[in-house]
Amino acid sequence: MERLLTTKDLADLTGLAVQTIYNRHSNGGSLPDCLNLGGRLRFRQRDVDAWLDSQYEKHQSKPTALACVESPPRRPGRPTKAEQVMRRAGKTTSNLRTLN
């Protein structure tokens, strides 16, 4: 029979905090399959290995960030800090809104 890992063992192996492991377990977050023995979580080494492999594959398959995309025009509303400073300095630009 293989040795079962404790939450401390899993934390040491993954770099996660023990509390994070408990939080993920209670919130349905990403964790390897576990056993609940007497109110304590235990993990099989083979389940942990499979989970780590799947996490690695997810990380490798993420698309790369898109090149700098121009942002859409701002909606009217409160001016940005930069716009306020420019108004106080008496500078104007084409994209500044005027105060009434």
Protein backbone atom coordinates (compact mmCIF):
# COMPACT_ATOMS: atom_id res chain seq x y z
CA MET A 1 0.00 0.00 0.00
CA GLU A 2 1.36 3.40 -0.97
CA ARG A 3 1.92 6.11 1.61
CA LEU A 4 -0.72 8.85 1.75
CA LEU A 5 0.46 12.45 1.66
CA THR A 6 -0.75 14.96 4.23
CA THR A 7 -1.74 18.53 3.47
CA LYS A 8 1.68 19.58 4.80
CA ASP A 9 3.38 17.17 2.39
CA LEU A 10 1.31 18.54 -0.50
CA ALA A 11 2.10 22.10 0.54
CA ASP A 12 5.82 21.34 0.60
CA LEU A 13 5.61 19.63 -2.77
CA THR A 14 3.62 22.35 -4.54
CA GLY A 15 4.63 25.50 -2.70
CA LEU A 16 1.04 26.24 -1.74
CA ALA A 17 0.14 27.21 1.81
CA VAL A 18 -1.65 24.57 3.88
CA GLN A 19 -4.58 26.98 4.35
CA THR A 20 -4.80 27.44 0.57
CA ILE A 21 -5.18 23.68 0.18
CA TYR A 22 -8.02 23.63 2.72
CA ASN A 23 -9.64 26.67 1.07
CA ARG A 24 -9.47 25.06 -2.37
CA HIS A 25 -10.94 21.85 -0.98
CA SER A 26 -13.89 23.62 0.62
CA ASN A 27 -14.51 25.97 -2.34
CA GLY A 28 -14.13 23.33 -5.05
CA GLY A 29 -10.84 24.74 -6.34
CA SER A 30 -8.18 22.87 -8.27
CA LEU A 31 -6.67 20.06 -6.18
CA PRO A 32 -5.72 16.44 -6.72
CA ASP A 33 -8.24 13.80 -5.71
CA CYS A 34 -8.18 13.33 -1.97
CA LEU A 35 -9.49 11.16 0.82
CA ASN A 36 -11.10 12.59 3.93
CA LEU A 37 -9.97 10.34 6.79
CA GLY A 38 -11.19 11.38 10.21
CA GLY A 39 -11.56 15.01 9.17
CA ARG A 40 -8.08 15.14 7.66
CA LEU A 41 -7.25 15.30 3.96
CA ARG A 42 -4.92 12.70 2.49
CA PHE A 43 -3.59 12.50 -1.05
CA ARG A 44 -2.23 9.56 -3.06
CA GLN A 45 1.11 10.25 -4.70
CA ARG A 46 -0.10 9.04 -8.10
CA ASP A 47 -3.10 11.44 -7.94
CA VAL A 48 -0.80 14.32 -7.03
CA ASP A 49 1.55 13.47 -9.91
CA ALA A 50 -1.35 13.29 -12.38
CA TRP A 51 -2.76 16.60 -11.09
CA LEU A 52 0.63 18.32 -11.38
CA ASP A 53 1.01 17.03 -14.95
CA SER A 54 -2.44 18.38 -15.85
CA GLN A 55 -1.58 21.76 -14.31
CA TYR A 56 1.61 21.89 -16.33
CA GLU A 57 -0.29 21.05 -19.54
CA LYS A 58 -2.87 23.77 -18.84
CA HIS A 59 -0.10 26.28 -18.31
CA GLN A 60 1.68 25.27 -21.52
CA SER A 61 -1.47 25.41 -23.67
CA LYS A 62 -2.49 28.98 -22.70
CA PRO A 63 -2.44 31.35 -25.66
CA THR A 64 0.19 34.04 -25.62
CA ALA A 65 -0.79 37.61 -24.87
CA LEU A 66 -1.97 39.64 -27.80
CA ALA A 67 0.11 42.50 -29.08
CA CYS A 68 -0.72 45.95 -27.78
CA VAL A 69 -4.29 46.57 -28.85
CA GLU A 70 -5.65 50.08 -29.02
CA SER A 71 -8.24 50.64 -26.31
CA PRO A 72 -11.73 51.81 -27.23
CA PRO A 73 -12.58 55.47 -26.68
CA ARG A 74 -13.52 56.39 -23.11
CA ARG A 75 -17.12 56.94 -22.19
CA PRO A 76 -18.02 60.43 -21.00
CA GLY A 77 -17.78 60.85 -17.27
CA ARG A 78 -15.36 62.03 -14.69
CA PRO A 79 -12.06 63.20 -16.20
CA THR A 80 -8.89 61.25 -15.52
CA LYS A 81 -6.22 62.64 -13.22
CA ALA A 82 -4.03 63.42 -16.24
CA GLU A 83 -6.87 65.42 -17.83
CA GLN A 84 -7.43 67.37 -14.60
CA VAL A 85 -3.74 68.24 -14.31
CA MET A 86 -3.56 69.35 -17.93
CA ARG A 87 -6.60 71.59 -17.50
CA ARG A 88 -5.09 73.23 -14.44
CA ALA A 89 -1.87 73.87 -16.34
CA GLY A 90 -3.86 75.51 -19.16
CA LYS A 91 -2.89 72.88 -21.70
CA THR A 92 -5.48 71.47 -24.05
CA THR A 93 -5.52 68.40 -26.21
CA SER A 94 -7.95 67.18 -28.79
CA ASN A 95 -9.33 64.39 -26.61
CA LEU A 96 -10.05 66.48 -23.50
CA ARG A 97 -13.64 67.21 -22.59
CA THR A 98 -14.60 70.76 -21.69
CA LEU A 99 -16.11 71.74 -18.37
CA ASN A 100 -19.35 73.69 -18.41
